[in-house]
């Protein structure tokens, strides 16, 4: 049987189906179909809630549920769709106020809706600038955090070597201005510890960008040219990246011979098992990105059985009102006390002890020969 012509469909039914068909096409149209579908769902929920609250019971259909509707819209919708949803919420609240009177709405609900609306608009606008929908922006940050964390892990070393990396960001944040990049090729290990000016989330965005760049340079250029290549990159940037200090370590895992170069970074300290003392390495260099031609004076030596090298950032030794040399002396004293029972167990305790009382990014890299 052939379908009935449109002319046989009653006029009232056609009038009802026309907007339904438009809404259906709108929900499935374009790359933002999910956004459109959620907008329709939340908008209808807002209007139905207002109608049921006004006609049946504001107790069973509480207008405060509109706060959750606005919050969900702020987390998931684009700004343009959020504006349409807010219009539906306003219509719903206005309808309740007209039918039941202003006391049914109340100033508390209006103030809460206004605050929630402001937060929702800010969240939607931020996501719009990023070009992401829903909670994808948060997922991207989590993925970047995980990548930065995995990048800070040193490669697996031979059995006769030990390593420990400890990162502690300011304010308990997942992002900070201190990061580690490393590479192992055969018997050669390279480690770079970098400190970007600032702390916490403020320095985290620059650290994320530089960690990828410095990680790509590591192993792509000769070890002796690594810091110079990093300096050239920073010097070419149109926008200043602030102060960036770094220390680069090369270790021959067969012989134990190492070379340290530093660019404005706190000095590396070495534990000499023969004398039982911590010694300060004599490395010099200007912070990265300041001068076009970087010159670093390296320090070299050999790690023997029981020896260790300690790389760290200034967050461990620098505190307001305390001289850096005094901080370095305290670090050596605490290292002698806390690391005596074991490097792996004492590294975290050393960072916690040295960072107590101030809020700054801290990083430590410890490499030793058992």
Protein backbone atom coordinates (compact mmCIF):
# COMPACT_ATOMS: atom_id res chain seq x y z
CA UNK A 1 0.00 0.00 0.00
CA UNK A 2 1.45 3.37 -0.98
CA UNK A 3 1.91 5.98 1.76
CA UNK A 4 -0.86 8.47 2.15
CA UNK A 5 -0.22 11.85 0.51
CA UNK A 6 0.65 14.69 2.82
CA UNK A 7 -2.65 16.35 1.92
CA UNK A 8 -4.56 13.55 3.71
CA UNK A 9 -2.67 14.24 6.99
CA UNK A 10 -4.81 16.46 9.23
CA UNK A 11 -3.70 20.06 9.43
CA UNK A 12 -3.32 19.96 13.22
CA UNK A 13 -1.12 16.88 13.02
CA UNK A 14 1.03 18.49 10.34
CA UNK A 15 1.38 21.59 12.52
CA UNK A 16 2.58 19.37 15.36
CA UNK A 17 4.95 17.27 13.29
CA UNK A 18 6.62 20.23 11.56
CA UNK A 19 8.54 21.49 14.63
CA UNK A 20 9.27 17.92 15.68
CA UNK A 21 10.86 17.25 12.30
CA UNK A 22 12.86 20.48 12.50
CA UNK A 23 14.12 19.61 15.96
CA UNK A 24 15.07 16.12 14.79
CA UNK A 25 17.01 17.49 11.81
CA UNK A 26 18.70 20.11 14.02
CA UNK A 27 19.82 17.44 16.51
CA UNK A 28 21.44 15.32 13.76
CA UNK A 29 22.98 18.14 11.73
CA UNK A 30 26.64 19.04 11.39
CA UNK A 31 29.71 18.23 13.50
CA UNK A 32 28.00 19.44 16.67
CA UNK A 33 25.18 16.89 16.63
CA UNK A 34 25.98 15.77 20.17
CA UNK A 35 25.90 19.36 21.37
CA UNK A 36 22.56 19.95 19.63
CA UNK A 37 21.05 16.78 21.08
CA UNK A 38 22.09 17.66 24.62
CA UNK A 39 20.78 21.22 24.17
CA UNK A 40 17.36 19.89 23.12
CA UNK A 41 17.28 17.43 26.03
CA UNK A 42 18.24 20.02 28.65
CA UNK A 43 16.01 22.69 27.14
CA UNK A 44 12.94 20.43 27.14
CA UNK A 45 13.76 19.30 30.68
CA UNK A 46 13.89 22.95 31.81
CA UNK A 47 10.56 23.84 30.19
CA UNK A 48 8.82 20.69 31.41
CA UNK A 49 10.15 21.22 34.93
CA UNK A 50 8.79 24.77 34.96
CA UNK A 51 5.42 23.63 33.66
CA UNK A 52 5.09 20.74 36.12
CA UNK A 53 6.22 22.89 39.08
CA UNK A 54 3.72 25.60 38.22
CA UNK A 55 0.76 23.30 37.42
CA UNK A 56 1.26 20.40 39.80
CA UNK A 57 3.66 20.73 42.74
CA UNK A 58 6.85 22.79 43.28
CA UNK A 59 7.76 20.26 45.97
CA UNK A 60 7.87 17.24 43.67
CA UNK A 61 9.22 19.30 40.76
CA UNK A 62 11.53 21.66 42.60
CA UNK A 63 12.77 24.71 40.62
CA UNK A 64 16.20 24.21 42.26
CA UNK A 65 16.78 21.33 39.83
CA UNK A 66 17.36 24.06 37.22
CA UNK A 67 20.67 24.75 38.94
CA UNK A 68 21.86 21.27 37.98
CA UNK A 69 20.60 21.80 34.44
CA UNK A 70 22.65 24.99 34.10
CA UNK A 71 25.70 23.30 35.61
CA UNK A 72 25.51 20.37 33.20
CA UNK A 73 25.12 22.83 30.32
CA UNK A 74 28.21 24.75 31.45
CA UNK A 75 30.24 21.55 31.56
CA UNK A 76 29.09 20.10 28.24
CA UNK A 77 27.61 22.71 25.87
CA UNK A 78 29.20 25.24 23.57
CA UNK A 79 28.69 28.90 24.50
CA UNK A 80 26.06 29.49 21.81
CA UNK A 81 24.06 26.45 22.88
CA UNK A 82 24.45 27.42 26.52
CA UNK A 83 22.88 30.82 25.80
CA UNK A 84 19.83 29.08 24.29
CA UNK A 85 19.61 26.79 27.31
CA UNK A 86 19.78 29.78 29.66
CA UNK A 87 16.91 31.36 27.73
CA UNK A 88 14.81 28.23 28.35
CA UNK A 89 15.72 28.35 32.07
CA UNK A 90 14.67 32.01 32.26
CA UNK A 91 11.35 31.17 30.60
CA UNK A 92 10.82 28.31 33.05
CA UNK A 93 11.61 30.44 36.12
CA UNK A 94 9.46 33.28 34.80
CA UNK A 95 6.52 30.95 34.22
CA UNK A 96 6.76 29.61 37.76
CA UNK A 97 6.89 33.16 39.15
CA UNK A 98 3.84 34.24 37.12
CA UNK A 99 1.68 31.25 38.07
CA UNK A 100 2.74 30.73 41.68
CA UNK A 101 4.07 34.18 42.52
CA UNK A 102 7.56 35.43 43.27
CA UNK A 103 7.76 33.72 46.72
CA UNK A 104 7.69 30.35 44.92
CA UNK A 105 10.98 31.25 43.27
CA UNK A 106 12.69 33.07 46.12
CA UNK A 107 15.82 35.26 46.18
CA UNK A 108 18.03 32.34 47.24
CA UNK A 109 17.25 30.38 44.09
CA UNK A 110 17.75 33.45 41.89
CA UNK A 111 21.13 34.26 43.43
CA UNK A 112 22.28 30.63 43.15
CA UNK A 113 21.14 30.48 39.53
CA UNK A 114 22.97 33.73 38.77
CA UNK A 115 26.24 32.44 40.28
CA UNK A 116 25.91 29.07 38.55
CA UNK A 117 25.17 30.82 35.25
CA UNK A 118 28.31 32.95 35.57
CA UNK A 119 30.46 29.89 36.23
CA UNK A 120 28.82 28.00 33.37
CA UNK A 121 29.49 30.84 30.92
CA UNK A 122 33.14 31.06 32.01
CA UNK A 123 33.63 27.31 31.56
CA UNK A 124 31.92 27.28 28.16
CA UNK A 125 33.94 30.28 26.95
CA UNK A 126 37.21 28.68 28.07
CA UNK A 127 36.39 25.45 26.25
CA UNK A 128 35.41 27.49 23.20
CA UNK A 129 38.85 29.09 23.11
CA UNK A 130 40.45 25.66 23.32
CA UNK A 131 38.18 24.33 20.60
CA UNK A 132 37.11 21.28 22.61
CA UNK A 133 33.69 20.04 23.61
CA UNK A 134 32.50 18.70 26.93
CA UNK A 135 35.18 17.52 29.35
CA UNK A 136 37.70 16.76 26.61
CA UNK A 137 39.87 19.70 27.75
CA UNK A 138 40.30 18.15 31.20
CA UNK A 139 41.08 14.80 29.60
CA UNK A 140 43.78 16.47 27.48
CA UNK A 141 45.38 17.98 30.59
CA UNK A 142 45.32 14.61 32.33
CA UNK A 143 46.97 13.01 29.31
CA UNK A 144 49.65 15.71 29.23
CA UNK A 145 50.25 15.22 32.94
CA UNK A 146 50.67 11.48 32.48
CA UNK A 147 53.05 12.01 29.56
CA UNK A 148 55.15 14.46 31.57
CA UNK A 149 55.23 12.05 34.49
CA UNK A 150 56.29 9.11 32.33
CA UNK A 151 58.91 11.27 30.61
CA UNK A 152 60.44 12.08 33.99
CA UNK A 153 61.09 8.41 34.67
CA UNK A 154 64.64 7.37 33.94
CA UNK A 155 65.22 4.43 31.60
CA UNK A 156 65.99 1.03 33.05
CA UNK A 157 69.61 0.82 34.21
CA UNK A 158 71.89 -2.19 34.63
CA UNK A 159 71.70 -4.15 37.86
CA UNK A 160 74.83 -2.55 39.24
CA UNK A 161 73.25 0.91 39.03
CA UNK A 162 70.47 2.60 40.96
CA UNK A 163 68.31 5.65 40.26
CA UNK A 164 65.52 7.65 41.90
CA UNK A 165 63.56 10.68 40.67
CA UNK A 166 61.40 12.76 43.01
CA UNK A 167 59.21 15.62 41.77
CA UNK A 168 57.17 17.77 44.16
CA UNK A 169 55.21 20.62 42.60
CA UNK A 170 54.14 23.75 44.45
CA UNK A 171 50.69 23.69 46.00
CA UNK A 172 50.24 19.99 45.38
CA UNK A 173 49.64 20.63 41.67
CA UNK A 174 50.20 18.02 38.98
CA UNK A 175 52.08 20.59 36.92
CA UNK A 176 55.16 22.60 37.76
CA UNK A 177 58.24 24.25 36.40
CA UNK A 178 60.68 21.40 37.14
CA UNK A 179 61.00 18.45 34.80
CA UNK A 180 63.42 15.69 33.80
CA UNK A 181 64.29 14.30 30.38
CA UNK A 182 66.54 11.28 29.93
CA UNK A 183 67.89 8.90 27.34
CA UNK A 184 69.86 5.67 27.34
CA UNK A 185 71.62 4.36 24.26
CA UNK A 186 73.69 1.29 24.95
CA UNK A 187 76.06 2.03 27.77
CA UNK A 188 75.51 5.81 27.61
CA UNK A 189 73.01 7.53 29.90
CA UNK A 190 72.02 11.18 29.53
CA UNK A 191 69.88 13.03 32.06
CA UNK A 192 68.80 16.68 32.02
CA UNK A 193 67.10 18.37 34.96
CA UNK A 194 65.43 21.66 33.99
CA UNK A 195 63.93 24.43 36.11
CA UNK A 196 61.61 26.98 34.50
CA UNK A 197 61.09 30.29 36.35
CA UNK A 198 57.84 30.47 38.28
CA UNK A 199 56.13 27.68 40.15
CA UNK A 200 53.10 25.46 40.09
CA UNK A 201 50.53 25.73 37.31
CA UNK A 202 51.85 29.15 36.19
CA UNK A 203 55.14 27.56 35.10
CA UNK A 204 53.58 24.24 34.13
CA UNK A 205 52.49 25.30 30.63
CA UNK A 206 55.99 26.43 29.68
CA UNK A 207 57.50 23.33 31.25
CA UNK A 208 55.18 21.12 29.18
CA UNK A 209 56.28 22.79 25.96
CA UNK A 210 59.99 22.83 26.80
CA UNK A 211 60.00 19.22 27.99
CA UNK A 212 59.03 18.07 24.50
CA UNK A 213 61.64 20.32 22.87
CA UNK A 214 64.47 19.41 25.23
CA UNK A 215 63.52 15.74 25.07
CA UNK A 216 63.79 15.89 21.28
CA UNK A 217 67.21 17.57 21.44
CA UNK A 218 68.52 15.00 23.90
CA UNK A 219 70.23 12.36 21.82
CA UNK A 220 69.78 14.35 18.59
CA UNK A 221 72.89 16.43 19.30
CA UNK A 222 76.17 15.52 20.88
CA UNK A 223 76.08 15.50 24.65
CA UNK A 224 78.58 18.34 24.88
CA UNK A 225 76.32 20.47 22.65
CA UNK A 226 73.00 19.75 24.38
CA UNK A 227 72.79 22.86 26.55
CA UNK A 228 74.05 25.04 23.70
CA UNK A 229 71.28 23.68 21.46
CA UNK A 230 68.69 24.38 24.17
CA UNK A 231 70.07 27.88 24.56
CA UNK A 232 69.85 28.51 20.80
CA UNK A 233 66.24 27.39 20.78
CA UNK A 234 65.27 29.70 23.65
CA UNK A 235 67.23 32.61 22.17
CA UNK A 236 65.27 32.31 18.90
CA UNK A 237 61.90 32.60 20.61
CA UNK A 238 60.11 35.88 20.07
CA UNK A 239 58.45 35.72 23.47
CA UNK A 240 60.64 35.35 26.52
CA UNK A 241 60.29 32.06 28.35
CA UNK A 242 61.63 33.60 31.54
CA UNK A 243 64.67 32.21 33.26
CA UNK A 244 65.45 28.59 32.48
CA UNK A 245 68.25 26.75 34.23
CA UNK A 246 69.37 23.22 33.43
CA UNK A 247 71.99 20.67 34.33
CA UNK A 248 73.05 17.91 31.95
CA UNK A 249 74.67 14.66 33.01
CA UNK A 250 76.37 12.06 30.81
CA UNK A 251 77.38 8.73 32.35
CA UNK A 252 79.23 5.79 30.86
CA UNK A 253 77.47 2.85 32.50
CA UNK A 254 80.42 0.52 31.90
CA UNK A 255 83.26 2.59 33.31
CA UNK A 256 81.30 4.95 35.55
CA UNK A 257 82.88 8.03 33.97
CA UNK A 258 80.60 11.05 33.93
CA UNK A 259 80.51 14.63 32.68
CA UNK A 260 78.34 17.40 34.11
CA UNK A 261 77.50 20.69 32.41
CA UNK A 262 75.36 23.35 34.01
CA UNK A 263 73.56 26.49 32.81
CA UNK A 264 72.86 28.62 35.87
CA UNK A 265 71.72 25.56 37.83
CA UNK A 266 72.56 24.75 41.46
CA UNK A 267 75.76 22.68 41.65
CA UNK A 268 75.57 18.90 41.51
CA UNK A 269 76.88 17.14 44.60
CA UNK A 270 78.68 13.81 44.66
CA UNK A 271 78.96 11.29 47.46
CA UNK A 272 82.45 9.84 47.67
CA UNK A 273 82.21 6.43 49.32
CA UNK A 274 85.95 6.39 49.92
CA UNK A 275 85.89 9.44 52.20
CA UNK A 276 82.21 9.27 53.22
CA UNK A 277 81.62 12.92 52.32
CA UNK A 278 79.46 14.90 49.88
CA UNK A 279 81.47 17.06 47.46
CA UNK A 280 80.20 20.00 45.38
CA UNK A 281 80.89 19.84 41.64
CA UNK A 282 82.64 22.85 40.08
CA UNK A 283 80.40 23.63 37.10
CA UNK A 284 79.64 27.09 35.72
CA UNK A 285 77.33 28.45 33.06
CA UNK A 286 74.88 31.26 32.31
CA UNK A 287 71.12 30.61 32.47
CA UNK A 288 69.59 29.52 29.18
CA UNK A 289 68.22 32.01 26.68
CA UNK A 290 70.14 35.08 27.88
CA UNK A 291 73.21 35.14 25.64
CA UNK A 292 73.39 33.87 22.04
CA UNK A 293 76.59 31.87 22.59
CA UNK A 294 76.50 29.71 25.68
CA UNK A 295 79.76 28.59 27.24
CA UNK A 296 79.73 26.01 30.03
CA UNK A 297 82.66 24.76 32.06
CA UNK A 298 82.07 21.00 32.56
CA UNK A 299 83.06 18.90 35.51
CA UNK A 300 83.97 15.24 35.11
CA UNK A 301 84.85 12.28 37.26
CA UNK A 302 84.18 8.62 37.86
CA UNK A 303 81.46 6.94 39.88
CA UNK A 304 82.86 3.96 41.75
CA UNK A 305 81.10 1.40 43.89
CA UNK A 306 79.15 3.18 46.63
CA UNK A 307 79.39 6.61 44.99
CA UNK A 308 76.33 8.71 44.10
CA UNK A 309 75.41 11.87 42.19
CA UNK A 310 72.65 14.19 43.37
CA UNK A 311 70.97 16.59 40.92
CA UNK A 312 68.34 19.00 42.29
CA UNK A 313 66.57 22.30 41.67
CA UNK A 314 66.80 25.49 43.68
CA UNK A 315 63.50 24.75 45.43
CA UNK A 316 65.45 22.47 47.77
CA UNK A 317 68.01 25.05 48.88
CA UNK A 318 66.36 28.43 48.30
CA UNK A 319 64.05 29.91 50.90
CA UNK A 320 63.01 33.50 51.67
CA UNK A 321 65.38 35.06 54.17
CA UNK A 322 68.00 32.32 53.84
CA UNK A 323 71.25 32.48 51.89
CA UNK A 324 71.65 29.91 49.11
CA UNK A 325 75.00 28.76 50.52
CA UNK A 326 73.30 28.10 53.84
CA UNK A 327 70.65 26.12 52.00
CA UNK A 328 73.33 24.09 50.25
CA UNK A 329 75.06 23.35 53.55
CA UNK A 330 71.74 22.17 54.99
CA UNK A 331 71.15 19.98 51.94
CA UNK A 332 74.53 18.30 52.39
CA UNK A 333 73.88 17.76 56.08
CA UNK A 334 70.41 16.30 55.53
CA UNK A 335 71.71 14.12 52.69
CA UNK A 336 74.39 12.71 54.95
CA UNK A 337 71.75 11.94 57.58
CA UNK A 338 68.80 10.73 55.48
CA UNK A 339 70.59 8.90 52.68
CA UNK A 340 72.88 6.93 54.94
CA UNK A 341 70.26 4.18 55.38
CA UNK A 342 69.55 3.88 51.65
CA UNK A 343 69.31 6.13 48.63
CA UNK A 344 65.98 4.89 47.33
CA UNK A 345 64.17 5.23 50.65
CA UNK A 346 65.87 8.46 51.66
CA UNK A 347 65.32 10.48 48.47
CA UNK A 348 61.67 11.30 49.15
CA UNK A 349 62.43 12.05 52.81
CA UNK A 350 65.20 14.43 51.72
CA UNK A 351 62.84 16.36 49.41
CA UNK A 352 60.13 16.58 52.08
CA UNK A 353 62.61 17.78 54.68
CA UNK A 354 64.22 20.42 52.49
CA UNK A 355 60.91 21.72 51.12
CA UNK A 356 59.18 21.99 54.49
CA UNK A 357 58.13 25.52 55.38
CA UNK A 358 57.95 26.97 51.86
CA UNK A 359 55.90 26.48 48.73
CA UNK A 360 58.04 25.93 45.64
CA UNK A 361 58.63 23.36 42.94
CA UNK A 362 61.25 20.80 43.94
CA UNK A 363 62.96 18.10 41.93
CA UNK A 364 65.69 15.60 42.74
CA UNK A 365 67.54 13.03 40.64
CA UNK A 366 69.76 10.53 42.43
CA UNK A 367 72.03 8.09 40.59
CA UNK A 368 74.34 5.70 42.41
CA UNK A 369 76.40 2.52 42.13
CA UNK A 370 75.47 0.02 44.88
